[in-house]
Amino acid sequence: MADITTVVFDIGGVLVDFCWEDFFRSKGYDEAMVQRLGDASVRSEEWNEFDRGVLDTKGIIDGFVKNDPEIEKEIRDAFSDMSGLLRKRERTIPWIKSLKKAGYRVLVLSNFSKEALEANLFMNEFLDEVDGGILSYKDKVIKADPAIYKHLIDRNNLVPSECVFIDDIERNINAAKALGMNGIVFKDYDQVEADLAALGVKY
């Protein structure tokens, strides 16, 4: 087995909390409406297009409205301000710094929209710490499309067998493994640290 030189992180569900239910609750909606809003937006195919960066904010929200026209007002109100859609994890920056201090290259590979990034400025605190990577909206391609992994490998001159990708969604890990990368499905910190240690990652 090749020595690991590069650790690649997904963002939502690994480095930050994607807390869409609390986001809707904070706007005063009851639980039934929270789930209905989720079905029309974050759990819909349109959300993938949001992360892909192929439509502007208006186009995306119009798509959400088409999914459930009866709650158009609630959808438009909810997405008028996307701050709070993500929540900081205090372990993220120390985790990145300790890996880098131990000599590992640290990259991100995430399905992410420009709008969510701009509305949650704390993201830049850890994006400034990593050595690069790919946010989907910039390349108009999302996981688990093999193309996004190939972009990451080619642009960063990576040797796939020397990389480990950490993501909370198994299909995204399987796509990385199909291209020769190592993969860990994030469940909790202790599990990931044990899995990294099993791959010889010491930090």
Protein backbone atom coordinates (compact mmCIF):
# COMPACT_ATOMS: atom_id res chain seq x y z
CA MET A 1 0.00 0.00 0.00
CA ALA A 2 1.30 3.43 -0.96
CA ASP A 3 2.05 5.94 1.77
CA ILE A 4 -0.65 8.59 2.07
CA THR A 5 0.59 12.08 1.17
CA THR A 6 -2.72 13.91 0.65
CA VAL A 7 -5.92 14.12 2.68
CA VAL A 8 -8.99 15.33 0.77
CA PHE A 9 -12.05 16.53 2.70
CA ASP A 10 -15.66 16.92 1.75
CA ILE A 11 -17.09 20.02 3.46
CA GLY A 12 -20.77 19.64 4.43
CA GLY A 13 -21.18 16.90 7.05
CA VAL A 14 -17.41 16.62 7.56
CA LEU A 15 -15.83 20.06 8.08
CA VAL A 16 -19.07 21.97 8.72
CA ASP A 17 -22.62 21.07 9.70
CA PHE A 18 -25.14 21.36 6.87
CA CYS A 19 -28.00 22.27 9.20
CA TRP A 20 -30.86 23.00 6.82
CA GLU A 21 -33.57 21.89 9.27
CA ASP A 22 -32.36 24.31 11.97
CA PHE A 23 -32.00 26.96 9.24
CA PHE A 24 -35.70 26.68 8.40
CA ARG A 25 -36.73 26.40 12.07
CA SER A 26 -34.82 29.60 12.86
CA LYS A 27 -37.13 31.41 10.44
CA GLY A 28 -40.16 30.41 12.49
CA TYR A 29 -41.55 27.50 10.49
CA ASP A 30 -43.19 24.54 12.22
CA GLU A 31 -41.87 21.01 11.74
CA ALA A 32 -44.31 20.10 8.97
CA MET A 33 -43.30 23.18 6.98
CA VAL A 34 -39.59 22.55 7.65
CA GLN A 35 -39.88 19.13 6.02
CA ARG A 36 -42.00 20.48 3.17
CA LEU A 37 -39.44 23.19 2.47
CA GLY A 38 -36.73 20.55 2.55
CA ASP A 39 -38.56 18.40 0.01
CA ALA A 40 -38.95 21.40 -2.32
CA SER A 41 -35.32 22.48 -2.01
CA VAL A 42 -32.42 20.66 -0.36
CA ARG A 43 -33.85 17.19 -1.00
CA SER A 44 -34.70 17.94 -4.64
CA GLU A 45 -32.78 17.51 -7.88
CA GLU A 46 -32.68 21.30 -8.17
CA TRP A 47 -30.32 21.41 -5.20
CA ASN A 48 -27.74 19.52 -7.24
CA GLU A 49 -28.05 22.20 -9.91
CA PHE A 50 -27.51 24.80 -7.20
CA ASP A 51 -24.22 23.13 -6.25
CA ARG A 52 -23.35 22.70 -9.91
CA GLY A 53 -23.51 26.47 -10.36
CA VAL A 54 -25.44 26.32 -13.64
CA LEU A 55 -28.31 28.57 -12.56
CA ASP A 56 -28.37 31.91 -10.76
CA THR A 57 -30.12 32.30 -7.42
CA LYS A 58 -33.39 33.38 -8.99
CA GLY A 59 -33.39 30.42 -11.37
CA ILE A 60 -32.76 27.97 -8.56
CA ILE A 61 -35.44 29.41 -6.28
CA ASP A 62 -37.91 29.42 -9.18
CA GLY A 63 -37.12 25.69 -9.49
CA PHE A 64 -37.85 25.14 -5.80
CA VAL A 65 -41.17 26.97 -6.20
CA LYS A 66 -42.15 24.72 -9.12
CA ASN A 67 -41.66 21.74 -6.81
CA ASP A 68 -44.31 23.06 -4.39
CA PRO A 69 -46.11 26.18 -5.70
CA GLU A 70 -48.43 26.35 -2.67
CA ILE A 71 -45.53 27.45 -0.44
CA GLU A 72 -43.94 29.94 -2.83
CA LYS A 73 -43.94 32.73 -0.23
CA GLU A 74 -42.25 30.53 2.39
CA ILE A 75 -39.62 29.33 -0.10
CA ARG A 76 -38.76 32.85 -1.26
CA ASP A 77 -38.67 34.18 2.30
CA ALA A 78 -36.53 31.29 3.54
CA PHE A 79 -33.90 31.69 0.83
CA SER A 80 -33.78 35.49 0.89
CA ASP A 81 -30.86 35.10 3.34
CA MET A 82 -28.82 31.89 3.42
CA SER A 83 -26.67 32.74 6.42
CA GLY A 84 -27.07 29.99 9.01
CA LEU A 85 -27.47 27.21 6.46
CA LEU A 86 -24.04 25.99 7.57
CA ARG A 87 -22.59 25.83 11.06
CA LYS A 88 -18.97 25.97 12.09
CA ARG A 89 -17.29 22.90 13.62
CA GLU A 90 -14.63 23.91 16.12
CA ARG A 91 -12.48 20.86 15.36
CA THR A 92 -12.05 21.73 11.69
CA ILE A 93 -9.18 24.23 11.71
CA PRO A 94 -7.10 22.37 14.35
CA TRP A 95 -7.63 19.15 12.35
CA ILE A 96 -6.40 20.74 9.13
CA LYS A 97 -3.46 22.41 10.86
CA SER A 98 -2.32 19.23 12.59
CA LEU A 99 -2.38 17.27 9.32
CA LYS A 100 -0.40 19.98 7.55
CA LYS A 101 2.09 20.21 10.40
CA ALA A 102 2.65 16.45 10.05
CA GLY A 103 3.54 17.00 6.39
CA TYR A 104 0.30 16.07 4.65
CA ARG A 105 -1.21 18.06 1.83
CA VAL A 106 -4.83 18.98 2.63
CA LEU A 107 -7.41 19.61 -0.11
CA VAL A 108 -11.20 19.99 -0.30
CA LEU A 109 -13.61 18.41 -2.77
CA SER A 110 -17.17 19.49 -2.20
CA ASN A 111 -20.55 20.02 -3.82
CA PHE A 112 -21.00 23.64 -2.93
CA SER A 113 -22.89 26.67 -4.21
CA LYS A 114 -21.48 30.16 -4.58
CA GLU A 115 -24.49 31.56 -2.72
CA ALA A 116 -24.02 29.32 0.33
CA LEU A 117 -20.33 30.21 0.44
CA GLU A 118 -20.92 33.95 0.24
CA ALA A 119 -23.67 33.87 2.90
CA ASN A 120 -21.54 31.93 5.42
CA LEU A 121 -18.28 33.85 5.56
CA PHE A 122 -16.77 31.71 8.35
CA MET A 123 -16.09 29.17 5.58
CA ASN A 124 -13.14 31.27 4.47
CA GLU A 125 -11.45 30.71 7.83
CA PHE A 126 -10.71 27.10 6.98
CA LEU A 127 -10.60 27.44 3.19
CA ASP A 128 -7.64 29.76 3.77
CA GLU A 129 -5.92 26.93 5.69
CA VAL A 130 -6.18 24.20 3.04
CA ASP A 131 -3.82 23.75 0.09
CA GLY A 132 -6.55 24.03 -2.53
CA GLY A 133 -9.17 21.77 -4.02
CA ILE A 134 -12.46 22.02 -5.87
CA LEU A 135 -15.82 23.58 -5.04
CA SER A 136 -18.37 22.23 -7.50
CA TYR A 137 -19.97 25.51 -8.57
CA LYS A 138 -16.70 26.74 -10.08
CA ASP A 139 -16.39 23.74 -12.41
CA LYS A 140 -20.10 23.11 -13.08
CA VAL A 141 -19.72 19.46 -12.07
CA ILE A 142 -20.70 17.63 -8.88
CA LYS A 143 -19.86 14.43 -7.03
CA ALA A 144 -20.23 11.56 -7.75
CA ASP A 145 -19.44 12.40 -11.41
CA PRO A 146 -15.96 10.95 -12.12
CA ALA A 147 -15.05 14.20 -13.87
CA ILE A 148 -14.81 16.18 -10.62
CA TYR A 149 -12.34 13.67 -9.15
CA LYS A 150 -10.30 13.72 -12.36
CA HIS A 151 -10.15 17.54 -12.20
CA LEU A 152 -8.84 17.28 -8.63
CA ILE A 153 -6.22 14.68 -9.56
CA ASP A 154 -5.01 16.45 -12.70
CA ARG A 155 -4.85 19.97 -11.33
CA ASN A 156 -3.01 18.98 -8.19
CA ASN A 157 -0.75 16.36 -9.79
CA LEU A 158 -2.05 13.74 -7.38
CA VAL A 159 -1.16 10.07 -7.29
CA PRO A 160 -4.58 8.56 -6.44
CA SER A 161 -3.16 5.71 -4.35
CA GLU A 162 -1.43 8.31 -2.15
CA CYS A 163 -4.70 10.13 -1.43
CA VAL A 164 -7.47 9.49 1.07
CA PHE A 165 -10.87 11.12 0.55
CA ILE A 166 -13.19 11.67 3.53
CA ASP A 167 -16.90 12.21 2.78
CA ASP A 168 -20.11 11.48 4.65
CA ILE A 169 -21.86 9.98 1.60
CA GLU A 170 -20.86 6.47 0.57
CA ARG A 171 -21.50 6.87 -3.18
CA ASN A 172 -19.04 9.77 -3.27
CA ILE A 173 -16.40 7.58 -1.62
CA ASN A 174 -17.11 4.73 -4.03
CA ALA A 175 -16.56 7.06 -6.99
CA ALA A 176 -13.18 8.11 -5.56
CA LYS A 177 -12.17 4.50 -4.98
CA ALA A 178 -13.07 3.66 -8.60
CA LEU A 179 -10.32 6.09 -9.63
CA GLY A 180 -7.77 4.52 -7.29
CA MET A 181 -8.10 6.78 -4.24
CA ASN A 182 -8.49 5.54 -0.69
CA GLY A 183 -11.77 6.49 0.95
CA ILE A 184 -13.34 6.88 4.38
CA VAL A 185 -17.05 7.38 5.00
CA PHE A 186 -17.29 9.94 7.81
CA LYS A 187 -19.51 8.87 10.71
CA ASP A 188 -17.71 10.50 13.65
CA TYR A 189 -14.27 11.83 14.50
CA ASP A 190 -13.09 8.78 16.46
CA GLN A 191 -14.00 6.44 13.60
CA VAL A 192 -12.27 8.61 11.00
CA GLU A 193 -9.13 8.97 13.09
CA ALA A 194 -9.00 5.17 13.55
CA ASP A 195 -9.47 4.65 9.80
CA LEU A 196 -6.75 7.20 9.01
CA ALA A 197 -4.39 5.48 11.43
CA ALA A 198 -5.10 2.17 9.70
CA LEU A 199 -3.92 3.79 6.46
CA GLY A 200 -0.71 4.92 8.19
CA VAL A 201 -1.72 8.57 8.56
CA LYS A 202 -0.02 9.92 11.68
CA TYR A 203 -0.53 13.47 12.98
